[in-house]
Each structure stands twice: as structure tokens, then as C-alpha cells.
Amino acid sequence: MPVILACFLLGLTLIIVRRIAGDGFILVPRRWVVERSFGWLGRWRRLSKDYEERTDVAEAMVTVAAIRIMLHRLVHPNRRRLPSPDF
């Protein structure tokens, strides 16, 4: 598998979380971190839908959004929410 090879070459640890048996909603540990990050990125208009035709442009927009979020946190450490982007 290419994922296992990439993890080996980069020295990363891959943790596969299996689905917990049961009916209804069951909270999966640490999944909220990913969902929260997707929520932050989804507030950007260009990232809310799949507008981009090229993957490199979409990747650049995710990078710009992440940089803006990090810079806002450095400048305003006590504010919780980012203002809406103008572009």
C-alpha cells in the first residue's frame, strides 16, 4: 500500500481507528480535531464548495486559509472567532 510506504519513508505513525460496533452515534476519539479543522476551512467562500478546477490552486487556497487562521491567532490570542474573509 502506498500509504504505509509513505509513512515508513517519512517516519510517521499511522493509526487506524476501527468503527465501534453499536447502533446510533458513537463518538470516535480525536475525530473532533479533524472535523473542527474542516469547519474552520469551510468558512472560506472558495473552500466551502469545490470551485477550483486545478488541484494545485485548491491546495494553495487551503494553505492561504490555514496561514490566515494561524496569523489571526498570533495577533489576537484571546479572540475566539475569525472575521469573515473578504475574498
N, C-alpha and C. Protein backbone atom coordinates (compact mmCIF):
# COMPACT_ATOMS: atom_id res chain seq x y z
N MET A 1 0.83 -1.17 0.00
CA MET A 1 0.00 0.00 0.00
C MET A 1 0.88 1.24 0.00
N PRO A 2 0.52 2.24 -0.80
CA PRO A 2 1.34 3.45 -0.86
C PRO A 2 1.31 4.26 0.43
N VAL A 3 0.22 4.19 1.18
CA VAL A 3 0.13 4.95 2.43
C VAL A 3 1.13 4.42 3.45
N ILE A 4 1.22 3.12 3.56
CA ILE A 4 2.16 2.52 4.51
C ILE A 4 3.60 2.82 4.11
N LEU A 5 3.87 2.77 2.80
CA LEU A 5 5.21 3.09 2.32
C LEU A 5 5.55 4.54 2.61
N ALA A 6 4.62 5.47 2.37
CA ALA A 6 4.86 6.89 2.64
C ALA A 6 5.10 7.13 4.13
N CYS A 7 4.33 6.46 4.98
CA CYS A 7 4.53 6.60 6.43
C CYS A 7 5.89 6.08 6.85
N PHE A 8 6.30 4.99 6.24
CA PHE A 8 7.62 4.42 6.57
C PHE A 8 8.73 5.37 6.13
N LEU A 9 8.63 5.90 4.92
CA LEU A 9 9.68 6.77 4.39
C LEU A 9 9.76 8.10 5.14
N LEU A 10 8.62 8.61 5.59
CA LEU A 10 8.59 9.89 6.28
C LEU A 10 8.71 9.76 7.80
N GLY A 11 8.71 8.52 8.29
CA GLY A 11 8.84 8.30 9.73
C GLY A 11 7.58 8.67 10.51
N LEU A 12 6.41 8.50 9.88
CA LEU A 12 5.15 8.82 10.53
C LEU A 12 4.51 7.57 11.12
N THR A 13 3.64 7.76 12.07
CA THR A 13 2.90 6.66 12.67
C THR A 13 1.46 6.73 12.18
N LEU A 14 0.99 5.66 11.58
CA LEU A 14 -0.38 5.59 11.08
C LEU A 14 -1.21 4.81 12.08
N ILE A 15 -2.28 5.45 12.56
CA ILE A 15 -3.19 4.81 13.50
C ILE A 15 -4.53 4.65 12.81
N ILE A 16 -4.98 3.42 12.66
CA ILE A 16 -6.26 3.13 12.03
C ILE A 16 -7.27 2.89 13.13
N VAL A 17 -8.32 3.69 13.14
CA VAL A 17 -9.35 3.58 14.16
C VAL A 17 -10.50 2.79 13.56
N ARG A 18 -10.82 1.68 14.16
CA ARG A 18 -11.90 0.84 13.67
C ARG A 18 -13.24 1.37 14.15
N ARG A 19 -14.27 1.10 13.36
CA ARG A 19 -15.61 1.51 13.72
C ARG A 19 -16.07 0.69 14.93
N ILE A 20 -16.66 1.38 15.89
CA ILE A 20 -17.13 0.73 17.09
C ILE A 20 -18.52 0.15 16.82
N ALA A 21 -18.70 -1.11 17.16
CA ALA A 21 -19.99 -1.77 16.92
C ALA A 21 -21.05 -1.17 17.83
N GLY A 22 -22.22 -0.99 17.28
CA GLY A 22 -23.31 -0.45 18.06
C GLY A 22 -24.25 0.33 17.17
N ASP A 23 -25.40 0.65 17.72
CA ASP A 23 -26.39 1.40 16.98
C ASP A 23 -26.29 2.87 17.32
N GLY A 24 -26.56 3.71 16.34
CA GLY A 24 -26.59 5.15 16.58
C GLY A 24 -25.22 5.78 16.55
N PHE A 25 -25.16 7.00 17.05
CA PHE A 25 -23.94 7.79 17.04
C PHE A 25 -23.04 7.39 18.20
N ILE A 26 -21.78 7.12 17.87
CA ILE A 26 -20.77 6.82 18.88
C ILE A 26 -19.58 7.73 18.60
N LEU A 27 -19.14 8.48 19.59
CA LEU A 27 -18.04 9.41 19.43
C LEU A 27 -16.73 8.65 19.24
N VAL A 28 -16.02 8.98 18.16
CA VAL A 28 -14.72 8.36 17.88
C VAL A 28 -13.64 9.28 18.46
N PRO A 29 -12.69 8.75 19.22
CA PRO A 29 -11.68 9.60 19.84
C PRO A 29 -10.88 10.39 18.81
N ARG A 30 -10.64 11.66 19.10
CA ARG A 30 -9.82 12.59 18.33
C ARG A 30 -10.41 12.95 16.96
N ARG A 31 -11.57 12.44 16.61
CA ARG A 31 -12.18 12.81 15.33
C ARG A 31 -12.60 14.27 15.32
N TRP A 32 -12.92 14.81 16.49
CA TRP A 32 -13.37 16.19 16.58
C TRP A 32 -12.30 17.16 16.11
N VAL A 33 -11.03 16.80 16.23
CA VAL A 33 -9.95 17.67 15.79
C VAL A 33 -10.02 17.88 14.28
N VAL A 34 -10.24 16.80 13.56
CA VAL A 34 -10.33 16.88 12.10
C VAL A 34 -11.60 17.62 11.70
N GLU A 35 -12.71 17.29 12.33
CA GLU A 35 -13.97 17.93 11.99
C GLU A 35 -13.93 19.44 12.28
N ARG A 36 -13.30 19.82 13.37
CA ARG A 36 -13.18 21.24 13.71
C ARG A 36 -12.32 21.97 12.69
N SER A 37 -11.23 21.34 12.26
CA SER A 37 -10.37 21.97 11.25
C SER A 37 -11.09 22.13 9.93
N PHE A 38 -11.85 21.13 9.51
CA PHE A 38 -12.64 21.25 8.29
C PHE A 38 -13.68 22.35 8.42
N GLY A 39 -14.25 22.51 9.60
CA GLY A 39 -15.21 23.58 9.83
C GLY A 39 -14.58 24.96 9.69
N TRP A 40 -13.37 25.13 10.22
CA TRP A 40 -12.68 26.41 10.08
C TRP A 40 -12.39 26.72 8.62
N LEU A 41 -11.92 25.72 7.90
CA LEU A 41 -11.61 25.94 6.48
C LEU A 41 -12.87 26.13 5.66
N GLY A 42 -13.97 25.51 6.06
CA GLY A 42 -15.22 25.63 5.32
C GLY A 42 -15.86 26.99 5.41
N ARG A 43 -15.42 27.82 6.35
CA ARG A 43 -15.95 29.19 6.46
C ARG A 43 -15.45 30.07 5.33
N TRP A 44 -14.41 29.64 4.63
CA TRP A 44 -13.90 30.40 3.48
C TRP A 44 -14.79 30.12 2.29
N ARG A 45 -15.18 31.18 1.58
CA ARG A 45 -16.10 31.03 0.45
C ARG A 45 -15.53 30.12 -0.62
N ARG A 46 -14.27 30.27 -0.95
CA ARG A 46 -13.68 29.46 -2.01
C ARG A 46 -13.43 28.02 -1.58
N LEU A 47 -13.47 27.76 -0.28
CA LEU A 47 -13.29 26.39 0.20
C LEU A 47 -14.60 25.73 0.60
N SER A 48 -15.69 26.51 0.62
CA SER A 48 -16.96 25.94 1.04
C SER A 48 -17.54 24.99 -0.01
N LYS A 49 -17.21 25.23 -1.26
CA LYS A 49 -17.61 24.35 -2.37
C LYS A 49 -16.37 24.01 -3.17
N ASP A 50 -16.50 23.10 -4.08
CA ASP A 50 -15.36 22.69 -4.90
C ASP A 50 -15.34 23.55 -6.17
N TYR A 51 -14.92 24.81 -6.03
CA TYR A 51 -14.89 25.73 -7.15
C TYR A 51 -13.68 25.53 -8.06
N GLU A 52 -12.58 25.14 -7.50
CA GLU A 52 -11.33 25.09 -8.24
C GLU A 52 -11.28 23.91 -9.19
N GLU A 53 -10.78 24.16 -10.40
CA GLU A 53 -10.63 23.08 -11.38
C GLU A 53 -9.29 22.37 -11.22
N ARG A 54 -8.28 23.12 -10.79
CA ARG A 54 -6.95 22.53 -10.65
C ARG A 54 -6.67 22.25 -9.18
N THR A 55 -6.05 21.10 -8.93
CA THR A 55 -5.78 20.71 -7.55
C THR A 55 -4.71 21.57 -6.90
N ASP A 56 -3.74 22.07 -7.68
CA ASP A 56 -2.70 22.90 -7.08
C ASP A 56 -3.27 24.24 -6.60
N VAL A 57 -4.28 24.77 -7.31
CA VAL A 57 -4.92 26.01 -6.87
C VAL A 57 -5.73 25.75 -5.60
N ALA A 58 -6.43 24.62 -5.54
CA ALA A 58 -7.19 24.28 -4.34
C ALA A 58 -6.26 24.09 -3.14
N GLU A 59 -5.13 23.45 -3.37
CA GLU A 59 -4.16 23.27 -2.29
C GLU A 59 -3.61 24.61 -1.81
N ALA A 60 -3.36 25.53 -2.75
CA ALA A 60 -2.88 26.85 -2.38
C ALA A 60 -3.91 27.60 -1.56
N MET A 61 -5.19 27.46 -1.91
CA MET A 61 -6.24 28.15 -1.15
C MET A 61 -6.34 27.60 0.28
N VAL A 62 -6.18 26.30 0.45
CA VAL A 62 -6.19 25.70 1.79
C VAL A 62 -5.00 26.23 2.59
N THR A 63 -3.84 26.34 1.94
CA THR A 63 -2.65 26.85 2.61
C THR A 63 -2.85 28.30 3.03
N VAL A 64 -3.40 29.13 2.14
CA VAL A 64 -3.65 30.54 2.47
C VAL A 64 -4.63 30.65 3.64
N ALA A 65 -5.67 29.84 3.62
CA ALA A 65 -6.66 29.88 4.71
C ALA A 65 -6.01 29.47 6.03
N ALA A 66 -5.19 28.43 6.02
CA ALA A 66 -4.54 27.97 7.25
C ALA A 66 -3.56 29.03 7.77
N ILE A 67 -2.84 29.69 6.86
CA ILE A 67 -1.91 30.75 7.26
C ILE A 67 -2.68 31.90 7.90
N ARG A 68 -3.81 32.27 7.32
CA ARG A 68 -4.61 33.37 7.88
C ARG A 68 -5.13 33.02 9.27
N ILE A 69 -5.57 31.78 9.44
CA ILE A 69 -6.06 31.35 10.75
C ILE A 69 -4.93 31.41 11.78
N MET A 70 -3.75 30.93 11.42
CA MET A 70 -2.61 30.94 12.35
C MET A 70 -2.17 32.37 12.68
N LEU A 71 -2.11 33.24 11.65
CA LEU A 71 -1.72 34.63 11.90
C LEU A 71 -2.73 35.34 12.79
N HIS A 72 -4.00 35.08 12.57
CA HIS A 72 -5.02 35.71 13.41
C HIS A 72 -4.88 35.27 14.86
N ARG A 73 -4.54 34.03 15.07
CA ARG A 73 -4.37 33.54 16.44
C ARG A 73 -3.14 34.14 17.11
N LEU A 74 -2.10 34.41 16.32
CA LEU A 74 -0.92 35.04 16.89
C LEU A 74 -1.17 36.50 17.25
N VAL A 75 -1.90 37.20 16.40
CA VAL A 75 -2.16 38.62 16.63
C VAL A 75 -3.22 38.83 17.71
N HIS A 76 -4.27 38.00 17.69
CA HIS A 76 -5.37 38.12 18.64
C HIS A 76 -5.51 36.83 19.45
N PRO A 77 -4.66 36.61 20.43
CA PRO A 77 -4.69 35.32 21.14
C PRO A 77 -5.95 35.10 21.97
N ASN A 78 -6.66 36.16 22.37
CA ASN A 78 -7.83 35.99 23.22
C ASN A 78 -9.15 35.97 22.47
N ARG A 79 -9.14 36.28 21.17
CA ARG A 79 -10.38 36.24 20.39
C ARG A 79 -10.64 34.83 19.92
N ARG A 80 -11.88 34.43 19.93
CA ARG A 80 -12.24 33.07 19.59
C ARG A 80 -12.53 32.89 18.10
N ARG A 81 -13.14 33.87 17.47
CA ARG A 81 -13.65 33.66 16.14
C ARG A 81 -12.99 34.62 15.15
N LEU A 82 -12.71 34.12 13.95
CA LEU A 82 -12.14 34.94 12.90
C LEU A 82 -13.23 35.76 12.23
N PRO A 83 -12.92 36.99 11.81
CA PRO A 83 -13.88 37.71 10.98
C PRO A 83 -13.95 37.04 9.61
N SER A 84 -15.06 37.21 8.93
CA SER A 84 -15.23 36.58 7.62
C SER A 84 -14.23 37.18 6.63
N PRO A 85 -13.61 36.33 5.80
CA PRO A 85 -12.67 36.86 4.81
C PRO A 85 -13.41 37.63 3.72
N ASP A 86 -12.75 38.61 3.15
CA ASP A 86 -13.38 39.45 2.13
C ASP A 86 -13.24 38.90 0.73
N PHE A 87 -12.43 37.87 0.55
CA PHE A 87 -12.26 37.35 -0.81
C PHE A 87 -12.76 35.95 -0.94
